[in-house]
N, C-alpha and C. Protein backbone atom coordinates (compact mmCIF):
# COMPACT_ATOMS: atom_id res chain seq x y z
N MET A 1 121.12 87.65 219.51
CA MET A 1 120.60 87.14 218.27
C MET A 1 121.05 85.70 218.11
N GLN A 2 120.20 84.89 217.58
CA GLN A 2 120.54 83.53 217.24
C GLN A 2 120.37 83.35 215.75
N CYS A 3 121.23 82.53 215.15
CA CYS A 3 121.04 82.21 213.74
C CYS A 3 121.62 80.84 213.47
N ALA A 4 121.01 80.15 212.54
CA ALA A 4 121.51 78.86 212.08
C ALA A 4 122.37 79.11 210.86
N ASN A 5 123.48 78.37 210.72
CA ASN A 5 124.45 78.63 209.67
C ASN A 5 124.72 77.34 208.90
N ASN A 6 124.97 77.48 207.61
CA ASN A 6 125.47 76.36 206.82
C ASN A 6 126.32 76.90 205.68
N ASP A 7 127.13 76.03 205.07
CA ASP A 7 127.98 76.42 203.94
C ASP A 7 127.30 76.06 202.63
N ALA A 8 126.05 76.46 202.49
CA ALA A 8 125.22 75.95 201.40
C ALA A 8 125.24 76.77 200.13
N SER A 9 125.75 77.97 200.15
CA SER A 9 125.66 78.79 198.95
C SER A 9 126.79 78.48 197.97
N ASN A 10 126.47 78.52 196.69
CA ASN A 10 127.46 78.25 195.64
C ASN A 10 127.57 79.42 194.67
N THR A 11 127.31 80.61 195.14
CA THR A 11 127.38 81.79 194.28
C THR A 11 128.29 82.83 194.91
N ASN A 12 128.65 83.80 194.14
CA ASN A 12 129.46 84.92 194.64
C ASN A 12 128.77 86.24 194.35
N LEU A 13 127.44 86.21 194.34
CA LEU A 13 126.63 87.40 194.14
C LEU A 13 125.56 87.45 195.22
N ALA A 14 125.30 88.65 195.74
CA ALA A 14 124.26 88.84 196.76
C ALA A 14 123.43 90.06 196.40
N ASN A 15 122.14 89.97 196.67
CA ASN A 15 121.20 91.05 196.36
C ASN A 15 120.60 91.63 197.63
N PRO A 16 120.50 92.95 197.73
CA PRO A 16 119.87 93.58 198.90
C PRO A 16 118.39 93.22 199.01
N VAL A 17 117.92 93.08 200.22
CA VAL A 17 116.51 92.83 200.49
C VAL A 17 115.80 94.18 200.61
N LEU A 18 114.66 94.31 199.96
CA LEU A 18 113.86 95.53 200.03
C LEU A 18 113.52 95.84 201.49
N GLY A 19 113.79 97.05 201.93
CA GLY A 19 113.50 97.45 203.30
C GLY A 19 114.61 97.14 204.29
N SER A 20 115.67 96.47 203.84
CA SER A 20 116.78 96.14 204.74
C SER A 20 117.77 97.30 204.79
N ILE A 21 118.80 97.15 205.60
CA ILE A 21 119.82 98.19 205.68
C ILE A 21 120.57 98.36 204.37
N PHE A 22 120.59 97.33 203.52
CA PHE A 22 121.29 97.41 202.24
C PHE A 22 120.37 97.83 201.09
N ASP A 23 119.11 98.11 201.38
CA ASP A 23 118.16 98.54 200.36
C ASP A 23 118.75 99.76 199.63
N GLY A 24 118.66 99.74 198.32
CA GLY A 24 119.18 100.85 197.52
C GLY A 24 120.53 100.54 196.89
N LEU A 25 121.24 99.51 197.37
CA LEU A 25 122.49 99.11 196.75
C LEU A 25 122.19 98.20 195.56
N SER A 26 123.11 98.15 194.62
CA SER A 26 122.96 97.19 193.52
C SER A 26 123.52 95.85 193.96
N GLN A 27 123.51 94.87 193.07
CA GLN A 27 124.00 93.54 193.39
C GLN A 27 125.46 93.61 193.85
N ILE A 28 125.80 92.82 194.87
CA ILE A 28 127.15 92.79 195.43
C ILE A 28 127.90 91.59 194.84
N ASN A 29 129.08 91.86 194.27
CA ASN A 29 129.91 90.83 193.65
C ASN A 29 131.13 90.58 194.54
N PHE A 30 131.30 89.33 194.98
CA PHE A 30 132.48 88.97 195.76
C PHE A 30 133.16 87.73 195.16
N ALA A 31 133.13 87.62 193.81
CA ALA A 31 133.73 86.49 193.10
C ALA A 31 135.25 86.60 193.07
N ARG A 32 135.89 85.47 192.82
CA ARG A 32 137.35 85.47 192.76
C ARG A 32 137.83 86.30 191.57
N ASP A 33 138.96 86.91 191.76
CA ASP A 33 139.62 87.70 190.72
C ASP A 33 141.08 87.76 191.15
N TYR A 34 141.79 86.65 190.93
CA TYR A 34 143.16 86.54 191.42
C TYR A 34 144.06 87.66 190.92
N ALA A 35 143.84 88.11 189.70
CA ALA A 35 144.69 89.16 189.12
C ALA A 35 144.61 90.47 189.92
N ASN A 36 143.48 90.69 190.60
CA ASN A 36 143.32 91.92 191.36
C ASN A 36 143.28 91.69 192.87
N GLY A 37 143.73 90.51 193.31
CA GLY A 37 143.88 90.26 194.74
C GLY A 37 142.67 89.69 195.45
N TYR A 38 141.67 89.21 194.71
CA TYR A 38 140.47 88.64 195.33
C TYR A 38 140.53 87.12 195.26
N TYR A 39 140.63 86.48 196.40
CA TYR A 39 140.67 85.02 196.45
C TYR A 39 139.27 84.44 196.26
N ASP A 40 139.18 83.15 196.13
CA ASP A 40 137.91 82.49 195.87
C ASP A 40 137.20 82.19 197.20
N THR A 41 135.98 82.69 197.32
CA THR A 41 135.15 82.36 198.47
C THR A 41 134.34 81.13 198.06
N LEU A 42 134.88 79.94 198.38
CA LEU A 42 134.31 78.70 197.86
C LEU A 42 132.93 78.39 198.41
N TYR A 43 132.72 78.57 199.69
CA TYR A 43 131.45 78.19 200.32
C TYR A 43 130.96 79.31 201.24
N PRO A 44 130.39 80.35 200.68
CA PRO A 44 129.86 81.42 201.53
C PRO A 44 128.79 80.86 202.47
N ASP A 45 128.79 81.34 203.69
CA ASP A 45 127.81 80.89 204.68
C ASP A 45 126.43 81.43 204.36
N ALA A 46 125.43 80.61 204.59
CA ALA A 46 124.03 81.01 204.47
C ALA A 46 123.43 80.92 205.87
N TYR A 47 122.58 81.87 206.21
CA TYR A 47 122.04 81.96 207.56
C TYR A 47 120.52 81.92 207.56
N THR A 48 119.99 81.57 208.71
CA THR A 48 118.57 81.69 208.97
C THR A 48 118.45 82.43 210.30
N GLY A 49 117.86 83.61 210.28
CA GLY A 49 117.68 84.37 211.52
C GLY A 49 116.62 83.72 212.39
N LEU A 50 116.86 83.68 213.68
CA LEU A 50 115.93 83.07 214.61
C LEU A 50 115.48 84.11 215.62
N GLY A 51 114.21 84.18 215.87
CA GLY A 51 113.69 85.07 216.89
C GLY A 51 113.30 86.44 216.37
N ALA A 52 112.56 87.14 217.21
CA ALA A 52 112.11 88.50 216.89
C ALA A 52 113.32 89.41 216.76
N GLY A 53 113.25 90.33 215.85
CA GLY A 53 114.32 91.30 215.67
C GLY A 53 115.30 90.95 214.57
N ALA A 54 115.34 89.68 214.15
CA ALA A 54 116.26 89.26 213.09
C ALA A 54 115.53 89.30 211.75
N SER A 55 116.18 89.86 210.74
CA SER A 55 115.57 89.89 209.41
C SER A 55 116.67 89.78 208.34
N ASN A 56 116.28 89.29 207.19
CA ASN A 56 117.21 89.14 206.07
C ASN A 56 117.63 90.51 205.55
N ALA A 57 118.93 90.65 205.25
CA ALA A 57 119.44 91.89 204.70
C ALA A 57 119.99 91.70 203.29
N LEU A 58 120.59 90.55 203.02
CA LEU A 58 121.10 90.21 201.69
C LEU A 58 120.70 88.77 201.37
N LEU A 59 120.39 88.51 200.11
CA LEU A 59 120.09 87.16 199.65
C LEU A 59 121.06 86.77 198.55
N TYR A 60 121.56 85.52 198.61
CA TYR A 60 122.43 85.03 197.55
C TYR A 60 121.64 84.89 196.26
N ASN A 61 122.36 84.94 195.15
CA ASN A 61 121.75 84.90 193.84
C ASN A 61 121.41 83.48 193.38
N ASP A 62 121.64 82.48 194.22
CA ASP A 62 121.45 81.08 193.81
C ASP A 62 120.24 80.44 194.47
N GLY A 63 119.16 81.14 194.56
CA GLY A 63 117.96 80.54 195.13
C GLY A 63 117.44 81.24 196.36
N GLY A 64 118.02 82.35 196.71
CA GLY A 64 117.47 83.15 197.79
C GLY A 64 117.90 82.80 199.19
N GLN A 65 118.99 82.03 199.34
CA GLN A 65 119.49 81.79 200.69
C GLN A 65 120.00 83.10 201.28
N THR A 66 119.97 83.20 202.58
CA THR A 66 120.31 84.46 203.25
C THR A 66 121.82 84.65 203.36
N ALA A 67 122.32 85.75 202.80
CA ALA A 67 123.74 86.08 202.84
C ALA A 67 124.09 86.98 204.02
N ALA A 68 123.11 87.74 204.53
CA ALA A 68 123.35 88.63 205.67
C ALA A 68 122.06 88.80 206.45
N ILE A 69 122.22 88.93 207.75
CA ILE A 69 121.09 89.15 208.66
C ILE A 69 121.36 90.43 209.44
N GLN A 70 120.32 91.20 209.63
CA GLN A 70 120.39 92.35 210.54
C GLN A 70 119.49 92.06 211.73
N TYR A 71 119.90 92.53 212.89
CA TYR A 71 119.15 92.27 214.11
C TYR A 71 119.07 93.56 214.92
N GLN A 72 117.90 93.77 215.52
CA GLN A 72 117.72 94.95 216.37
C GLN A 72 116.74 94.61 217.48
N ASP A 73 117.09 95.01 218.70
CA ASP A 73 116.14 94.98 219.81
C ASP A 73 116.29 96.29 220.57
N GLU A 74 115.80 96.37 221.79
CA GLU A 74 115.80 97.62 222.55
C GLU A 74 117.19 98.06 222.98
N THR A 75 118.17 97.14 222.99
CA THR A 75 119.48 97.48 223.54
C THR A 75 120.64 97.32 222.58
N LYS A 76 120.44 96.67 221.45
CA LYS A 76 121.58 96.42 220.57
C LYS A 76 121.15 96.22 219.12
N ARG A 77 122.17 96.30 218.25
CA ARG A 77 122.01 96.02 216.83
C ARG A 77 123.20 95.16 216.40
N ILE A 78 122.94 94.24 215.47
CA ILE A 78 123.98 93.33 214.99
C ILE A 78 123.79 93.14 213.49
N VAL A 79 124.91 93.02 212.76
CA VAL A 79 124.88 92.65 211.35
C VAL A 79 125.82 91.46 211.18
N VAL A 80 125.33 90.37 210.57
CA VAL A 80 126.13 89.18 210.31
C VAL A 80 126.13 88.95 208.80
N ILE A 81 127.33 88.82 208.22
CA ILE A 81 127.48 88.62 206.78
C ILE A 81 128.19 87.29 206.55
N GLY A 82 127.71 86.50 205.58
CA GLY A 82 128.23 85.16 205.35
C GLY A 82 129.38 85.05 204.38
N PHE A 83 129.96 86.17 203.96
CA PHE A 83 131.11 86.14 203.08
C PHE A 83 132.08 87.21 203.54
N PRO A 84 133.36 87.09 203.19
CA PRO A 84 134.35 88.09 203.63
C PRO A 84 134.04 89.47 203.04
N PHE A 85 133.85 90.44 203.90
CA PHE A 85 133.49 91.78 203.46
C PHE A 85 134.53 92.37 202.50
N GLU A 86 135.79 92.07 202.76
CA GLU A 86 136.87 92.63 201.93
C GLU A 86 136.84 92.09 200.51
N MET A 87 136.04 91.05 200.26
CA MET A 87 135.95 90.47 198.92
C MET A 87 134.97 91.22 198.01
N ILE A 88 134.26 92.21 198.52
CA ILE A 88 133.38 93.01 197.65
C ILE A 88 134.29 93.76 196.68
N HIS A 89 134.13 93.49 195.39
CA HIS A 89 135.07 93.97 194.38
C HIS A 89 135.17 95.47 194.27
N GLU A 90 134.07 96.12 194.06
CA GLU A 90 134.11 97.55 193.80
C GLU A 90 134.30 98.31 195.10
N SER A 91 135.32 99.16 195.14
CA SER A 91 135.59 99.91 196.37
C SER A 91 134.44 100.84 196.72
N GLY A 92 133.79 101.41 195.70
CA GLY A 92 132.63 102.27 195.95
C GLY A 92 131.49 101.50 196.60
N MET A 93 131.26 100.27 196.13
CA MET A 93 130.21 99.42 196.72
C MET A 93 130.58 99.04 198.15
N ARG A 94 131.86 98.71 198.38
CA ARG A 94 132.33 98.39 199.73
C ARG A 94 132.08 99.56 200.67
N SER A 95 132.41 100.75 200.21
CA SER A 95 132.21 101.96 201.03
C SER A 95 130.74 102.21 201.32
N GLN A 96 129.89 102.06 200.29
CA GLN A 96 128.46 102.26 200.49
C GLN A 96 127.88 101.24 201.47
N ALA A 97 128.29 99.98 201.30
CA ALA A 97 127.79 98.92 202.19
C ALA A 97 128.23 99.18 203.63
N MET A 98 129.50 99.58 203.82
CA MET A 98 129.99 99.85 205.18
C MET A 98 129.27 101.06 205.77
N GLN A 99 128.99 102.07 204.96
CA GLN A 99 128.27 103.24 205.46
C GLN A 99 126.87 102.84 205.92
N LYS A 100 126.21 101.99 205.15
CA LYS A 100 124.87 101.53 205.54
C LYS A 100 124.91 100.71 206.83
N ILE A 101 125.95 99.89 206.98
CA ILE A 101 126.11 99.12 208.22
C ILE A 101 126.32 100.06 209.39
N MET A 102 127.21 101.02 209.23
CA MET A 102 127.51 101.96 210.33
C MET A 102 126.30 102.83 210.67
N ASP A 103 125.55 103.25 209.66
CA ASP A 103 124.32 104.03 209.92
C ASP A 103 123.35 103.21 210.77
N PHE A 104 123.21 101.93 210.44
CA PHE A 104 122.32 101.04 211.19
C PHE A 104 122.83 100.84 212.61
N LEU A 105 124.12 100.57 212.76
CA LEU A 105 124.67 100.27 214.09
C LEU A 105 124.71 101.48 215.01
N THR A 106 124.83 102.67 214.45
CA THR A 106 124.99 103.86 215.28
C THR A 106 123.72 104.70 215.41
N ALA A 107 122.63 104.29 214.77
CA ALA A 107 121.37 105.03 214.90
C ALA A 107 120.87 104.94 216.34
N PRO A 108 120.16 105.96 216.83
CA PRO A 108 119.66 105.92 218.20
C PRO A 108 118.74 104.72 218.42
N LEU A 109 118.90 104.06 219.56
CA LEU A 109 118.05 102.92 219.90
C LEU A 109 116.70 103.38 220.42
N HIS A 110 116.65 104.57 220.98
CA HIS A 110 115.41 105.09 221.54
C HIS A 110 114.91 106.22 220.67
N PRO A 111 113.63 106.51 220.72
CA PRO A 111 113.10 107.57 219.86
C PRO A 111 113.72 108.93 220.18
N THR A 112 113.87 109.73 219.14
CA THR A 112 114.38 111.08 219.32
C THR A 112 113.24 111.97 219.83
N VAL A 113 113.58 113.15 220.28
CA VAL A 113 112.56 114.10 220.73
C VAL A 113 111.60 114.40 219.58
N ARG A 114 112.14 114.55 218.36
CA ARG A 114 111.29 114.83 217.20
C ARG A 114 110.30 113.69 216.98
N GLU A 115 110.76 112.44 217.08
CA GLU A 115 109.88 111.29 216.91
C GLU A 115 108.80 111.27 218.00
N MET A 116 109.20 111.60 219.24
CA MET A 116 108.22 111.63 220.32
C MET A 116 107.17 112.72 220.07
N LEU A 117 107.62 113.89 219.63
CA LEU A 117 106.68 114.97 219.35
C LEU A 117 105.74 114.60 218.21
N ASP A 118 106.27 114.01 217.16
CA ASP A 118 105.42 113.57 216.05
C ASP A 118 104.39 112.56 216.53
N TYR A 119 104.81 111.64 217.37
CA TYR A 119 103.90 110.63 217.91
C TYR A 119 102.81 111.28 218.75
N LEU A 120 103.21 112.21 219.59
CA LEU A 120 102.25 112.85 220.49
C LEU A 120 101.29 113.76 219.75
N LEU A 121 101.79 114.50 218.79
CA LEU A 121 100.91 115.39 218.03
C LEU A 121 99.84 114.59 217.30
N GLY A 122 100.18 113.37 216.91
CA GLY A 122 99.21 112.51 216.26
C GLY A 122 98.21 111.91 217.23
N ASN A 123 98.44 112.09 218.55
CA ASN A 123 97.56 111.54 219.57
C ASN A 123 96.95 112.63 220.44
N GLY A 124 96.71 113.79 219.87
CA GLY A 124 96.04 114.86 220.59
C GLY A 124 96.89 115.62 221.57
N GLY A 125 98.19 115.40 221.59
CA GLY A 125 99.07 116.20 222.44
C GLY A 125 99.41 115.58 223.78
N THR A 126 98.70 114.58 224.24
CA THR A 126 99.01 113.95 225.51
C THR A 126 98.98 112.44 225.33
N ALA A 127 100.03 111.78 225.77
CA ALA A 127 100.07 110.32 225.64
C ALA A 127 101.15 109.77 226.55
N TYR A 128 101.11 108.48 226.76
CA TYR A 128 102.19 107.83 227.48
C TYR A 128 103.39 107.71 226.55
N ASP A 129 104.58 107.74 227.13
CA ASP A 129 105.78 107.68 226.29
C ASP A 129 106.02 106.26 225.81
N TYR A 130 107.04 106.10 224.97
CA TYR A 130 107.35 104.81 224.36
C TYR A 130 107.72 103.76 225.41
N ASN A 131 108.41 104.15 226.46
CA ASN A 131 108.90 103.20 227.44
C ASN A 131 107.93 102.98 228.60
N GLY A 132 106.88 103.78 228.69
CA GLY A 132 105.90 103.60 229.74
C GLY A 132 106.34 104.09 231.10
N ASP A 133 107.40 104.90 231.17
CA ASP A 133 107.89 105.33 232.48
C ASP A 133 107.62 106.82 232.75
N GLY A 134 106.77 107.43 232.01
CA GLY A 134 106.44 108.83 232.21
C GLY A 134 105.41 109.24 231.19
N TRP A 135 105.09 110.52 231.14
CA TRP A 135 104.14 110.96 230.13
C TRP A 135 104.53 112.33 229.62
N PHE A 136 104.01 112.63 228.46
CA PHE A 136 104.32 113.88 227.79
C PHE A 136 103.04 114.65 227.58
N ASP A 137 103.10 115.97 227.73
CA ASP A 137 101.96 116.82 227.41
C ASP A 137 102.48 118.00 226.61
N ILE A 138 102.14 118.03 225.34
CA ILE A 138 102.58 119.14 224.49
C ILE A 138 101.39 119.91 223.94
N SER A 139 100.24 119.75 224.60
CA SER A 139 99.05 120.47 224.12
C SER A 139 99.20 121.97 224.32
N ASP A 140 100.03 122.40 225.26
CA ASP A 140 100.31 123.82 225.49
C ASP A 140 101.79 124.04 225.19
N PRO A 141 102.14 124.51 223.96
CA PRO A 141 103.54 124.62 223.57
C PRO A 141 104.36 125.54 224.46
N VAL A 142 103.73 126.50 225.11
CA VAL A 142 104.47 127.42 225.98
C VAL A 142 104.94 126.71 227.24
N ASN A 143 104.12 125.82 227.77
CA ASN A 143 104.45 125.14 229.02
C ASN A 143 104.59 123.63 228.81
N ALA A 144 105.04 123.22 227.65
CA ALA A 144 105.18 121.79 227.36
C ALA A 144 106.19 121.18 228.32
N PHE A 145 105.91 119.98 228.74
CA PHE A 145 106.85 119.31 229.65
C PHE A 145 106.89 117.82 229.40
N VAL A 146 107.99 117.25 229.85
CA VAL A 146 108.19 115.80 229.80
C VAL A 146 108.42 115.34 231.22
N SER A 147 107.51 114.55 231.75
CA SER A 147 107.60 114.04 233.11
C SER A 147 107.95 115.15 234.11
N GLY A 148 107.35 116.32 233.95
CA GLY A 148 107.54 117.40 234.89
C GLY A 148 108.68 118.34 234.57
N GLU A 149 109.45 118.05 233.54
CA GLU A 149 110.57 118.91 233.18
C GLU A 149 110.20 119.78 231.99
N THR A 150 110.73 120.97 231.92
CA THR A 150 110.49 121.84 230.79
C THR A 150 111.18 121.29 229.56
N MET A 151 110.47 121.25 228.46
CA MET A 151 111.03 120.77 227.20
C MET A 151 111.33 121.97 226.33
N TYR A 152 112.55 122.13 225.90
CA TYR A 152 112.96 123.26 225.08
C TYR A 152 113.06 122.85 223.65
């Protein structure tokens, strides 16, 4: 993944992007609160994702600059955040955000058997697979096979 970076943001609030890994979270607050151990994040980084697979995940509250980028291709996933993660004030929000990051990073990169079956059933039971290196035939559920192997 490539991204361009600058110290352009002047806010301590970030909003989830609809459809991103953080979708469903409320606004994230990472403002200073010295009394409770939160230092001042003076210049949070703002990013611009470059290339296919990169998309905005969080936007700063000061004009929509990108606070976090998520990236996915056939072999890897990456999440880049422009402010210190430990500065998210609410522990519940920190936990939810980390869970969403981990769900994204640990999800299967290749389609599951269920996804393949759903895809094939929508195409009459026989189709080329996602990777183009074999084929599936599930038109006969008793003798269904994947590239010559019995599918259970």
